[in-house]
Amino acid sequence: MSTDKKQEEFYDKLRSQLFETANWPSEYLYKFIVVSEGDKVVKIESIFDNMGAVIKTKPSKNGKYTSVSINVQMLSPETVIEKYKEVGDKVEGIIAL
């Protein structure tokens, strides 16, 4: 199975779960892990700029990785998925939790 197909299946499942578990618009918590080098955290923060997002970062014990938690009001499951895709496209090597 191709990566694109797996990714679309993941987003379809996420979309269904979000519709079932929340009333929209709703607050959503994004969690990401990135390598601490470079400007990756800044790129993530800029993607959520001007959205009223509360962004918290926490370096790993050895400082190699940074955890980024973003709590933000989203309009629909579709807008949640669009942000995941945007972050994935703009930030290399990111892990979404």
C-alpha atoms as a PDB file:
ATOM      1  CA  MET A   1       0.000   0.000   0.000  1.00  0.00           C
ATOM      2  CA  SER A   2       1.397   3.409  -0.925  1.00  0.00           C
ATOM      3  CA  THR A   3       2.233   6.020   1.692  1.00  0.00           C
ATOM      4  CA  ASP A   4      -0.271   8.477   0.183  1.00  0.00           C
ATOM      5  CA  LYS A   5      -3.073   5.903   0.443  1.00  0.00           C
ATOM      6  CA  LYS A   6      -2.161   5.091   4.060  1.00  0.00           C
ATOM      7  CA  GLN A   7      -2.076   8.790   4.870  1.00  0.00           C
ATOM      8  CA  GLU A   8      -5.508   9.383   3.332  1.00  0.00           C
ATOM      9  CA  GLU A   9      -6.934   6.405   5.241  1.00  0.00           C
ATOM     10  CA  PHE A  10      -5.479   7.856   8.448  1.00  0.00           C
ATOM     11  CA  TYR A  11      -7.067  11.261   7.757  1.00  0.00           C
ATOM     12  CA  ASP A  12     -10.424   9.661   6.850  1.00  0.00           C
ATOM     13  CA  LYS A  13     -10.431   7.780  10.158  1.00  0.00           C
ATOM     14  CA  LEU A  14      -9.394  10.911  12.081  1.00  0.00           C
ATOM     15  CA  ARG A  15     -12.133  12.941  10.358  1.00  0.00           C
ATOM     16  CA  SER A  16     -14.775  10.391  11.418  1.00  0.00           C
ATOM     17  CA  GLN A  17     -13.510  10.293  15.003  1.00  0.00           C
ATOM     18  CA  LEU A  18     -13.474  14.086  15.250  1.00  0.00           C
ATOM     19  CA  PHE A  19     -17.064  14.336  13.970  1.00  0.00           C
ATOM     20  CA  GLU A  20     -18.172  11.718  16.522  1.00  0.00           C
ATOM     21  CA  THR A  21     -16.357  13.078  19.577  1.00  0.00           C
ATOM     22  CA  ALA A  22     -16.761  16.860  19.437  1.00  0.00           C
ATOM     23  CA  ASN A  23     -19.204  19.633  18.636  1.00  0.00           C
ATOM     24  CA  TRP A  24     -17.709  22.023  16.099  1.00  0.00           C
ATOM     25  CA  PRO A  25     -16.216  24.607  16.302  1.00  0.00           C
ATOM     26  CA  SER A  26     -14.132  23.130  19.097  1.00  0.00           C
ATOM     27  CA  GLU A  27     -10.757  23.397  20.803  1.00  0.00           C
ATOM     28  CA  TYR A  28      -8.192  20.959  19.469  1.00  0.00           C
ATOM     29  CA  LEU A  29      -4.814  19.951  20.895  1.00  0.00           C
ATOM     30  CA  TYR A  30      -2.060  19.308  18.376  1.00  0.00           C
ATOM     31  CA  LYS A  31       1.084  17.540  19.601  1.00  0.00           C
ATOM     32  CA  PHE A  32       4.282  17.364  17.589  1.00  0.00           C
ATOM     33  CA  ILE A  33       7.866  16.274  18.143  1.00  0.00           C
ATOM     34  CA  VAL A  34      10.721  17.782  16.132  1.00  0.00           C
ATOM     35  CA  VAL A  35      14.499  17.701  16.185  1.00  0.00           C
ATOM     36  CA  SER A  36      15.597  20.742  18.193  1.00  0.00           C
ATOM     37  CA  GLU A  37      18.085  21.984  15.593  1.00  0.00           C
ATOM     38  CA  GLY A  38      17.312  24.789  13.165  1.00  0.00           C
ATOM     39  CA  ASP A  39      14.110  26.786  13.038  1.00  0.00           C
ATOM     40  CA  LYS A  40      11.573  23.939  13.047  1.00  0.00           C
ATOM     41  CA  VAL A  41       9.768  25.125  16.185  1.00  0.00           C
ATOM     42  CA  VAL A  42       9.573  28.653  14.762  1.00  0.00           C
ATOM     43  CA  LYS A  43       8.066  27.261  11.525  1.00  0.00           C
ATOM     44  CA  ILE A  44       5.404  25.397  13.508  1.00  0.00           C
ATOM     45  CA  GLU A  45       4.599  28.488  15.545  1.00  0.00           C
ATOM     46  CA  SER A  46       4.279  30.597  12.373  1.00  0.00           C
ATOM     47  CA  ILE A  47       1.746  28.137  10.896  1.00  0.00           C
ATOM     48  CA  PHE A  48      -0.541  28.759  13.893  1.00  0.00           C
ATOM     49  CA  ASP A  49       0.203  32.505  14.081  1.00  0.00           C
ATOM     50  CA  ASN A  50      -2.801  34.853  14.415  1.00  0.00           C
ATOM     51  CA  MET A  51      -5.163  32.003  15.364  1.00  0.00           C
ATOM     52  CA  GLY A  52      -5.213  32.637  19.115  1.00  0.00           C
ATOM     53  CA  ALA A  53      -3.283  29.407  19.682  1.00  0.00           C
ATOM     54  CA  VAL A  54      -1.650  28.611  23.006  1.00  0.00           C
ATOM     55  CA  ILE A  55       1.710  27.045  22.163  1.00  0.00           C
ATOM     56  CA  LYS A  56       3.899  25.244  24.687  1.00  0.00           C
ATOM     57  CA  THR A  57       7.315  23.769  23.967  1.00  0.00           C
ATOM     58  CA  LYS A  58       9.363  21.368  26.042  1.00  0.00           C
ATOM     59  CA  PRO A  59      12.851  20.103  25.214  1.00  0.00           C
ATOM     60  CA  SER A  60      13.638  16.414  25.722  1.00  0.00           C
ATOM     61  CA  LYS A  61      15.894  15.373  28.581  1.00  0.00           C
ATOM     62  CA  ASN A  62      19.007  15.419  26.379  1.00  0.00           C
ATOM     63  CA  GLY A  63      17.820  18.432  24.334  1.00  0.00           C
ATOM     64  CA  LYS A  64      17.873  16.613  20.990  1.00  0.00           C
ATOM     65  CA  TYR A  65      14.094  16.861  20.460  1.00  0.00           C
ATOM     66  CA  THR A  66      11.409  19.396  21.291  1.00  0.00           C
ATOM     67  CA  SER A  67       7.780  18.620  22.060  1.00  0.00           C
ATOM     68  CA  VAL A  68       5.320  21.227  20.780  1.00  0.00           C
ATOM     69  CA  SER A  69       1.735  21.329  22.106  1.00  0.00           C
ATOM     70  CA  ILE A  70      -0.733  23.674  20.440  1.00  0.00           C
ATOM     71  CA  ASN A  71      -4.204  24.302  21.811  1.00  0.00           C
ATOM     72  CA  VAL A  72      -6.358  26.188  19.324  1.00  0.00           C
ATOM     73  CA  GLN A  73     -10.001  26.741  18.391  1.00  0.00           C
ATOM     74  CA  MET A  74     -10.751  24.989  15.087  1.00  0.00           C
ATOM     75  CA  LEU A  75     -13.885  25.299  12.954  1.00  0.00           C
ATOM     76  CA  SER A  76     -14.274  21.692  11.798  1.00  0.00           C
ATOM     77  CA  PRO A  77     -12.516  18.333  11.473  1.00  0.00           C
ATOM     78  CA  GLU A  78     -11.552  19.405   7.951  1.00  0.00           C
ATOM     79  CA  THR A  79      -9.670  22.469   9.240  1.00  0.00           C
ATOM     80  CA  VAL A  80      -7.870  20.251  11.789  1.00  0.00           C
ATOM     81  CA  ILE A  81      -6.686  17.951   9.000  1.00  0.00           C
ATOM     82  CA  GLU A  82      -5.675  20.872   6.762  1.00  0.00           C
ATOM     83  CA  LYS A  83      -3.351  22.134   9.524  1.00  0.00           C
ATOM     84  CA  TYR A  84      -1.801  18.675   9.971  1.00  0.00           C
ATOM     85  CA  LYS A  85      -1.092  18.564   6.236  1.00  0.00           C
ATOM     86  CA  GLU A  86       0.309  22.109   6.200  1.00  0.00           C
ATOM     87  CA  VAL A  87       2.669  21.351   9.087  1.00  0.00           C
ATOM     88  CA  GLY A  88       3.755  18.093   7.427  1.00  0.00           C
ATOM     89  CA  ASP A  89       4.475  19.917   4.166  1.00  0.00           C
ATOM     90  CA  LYS A  90       6.411  22.810   5.731  1.00  0.00           C
ATOM     91  CA  VAL A  91       8.363  21.134   8.560  1.00  0.00           C
ATOM     92  CA  GLU A  92      10.701  18.320   7.556  1.00  0.00           C
ATOM     93  CA  GLY A  93      10.957  15.302   9.843  1.00  0.00           C
ATOM     94  CA  ILE A  94       8.077  16.255  12.134  1.00  0.00           C
ATOM     95  CA  ILE A  95       6.248  13.589  14.113  1.00  0.00           C
ATOM     96  CA  ALA A  96       2.553  14.213  14.790  1.00  0.00           C
ATOM     97  CA  LEU A  97       1.090  12.510  17.848  1.00  0.00           C
END
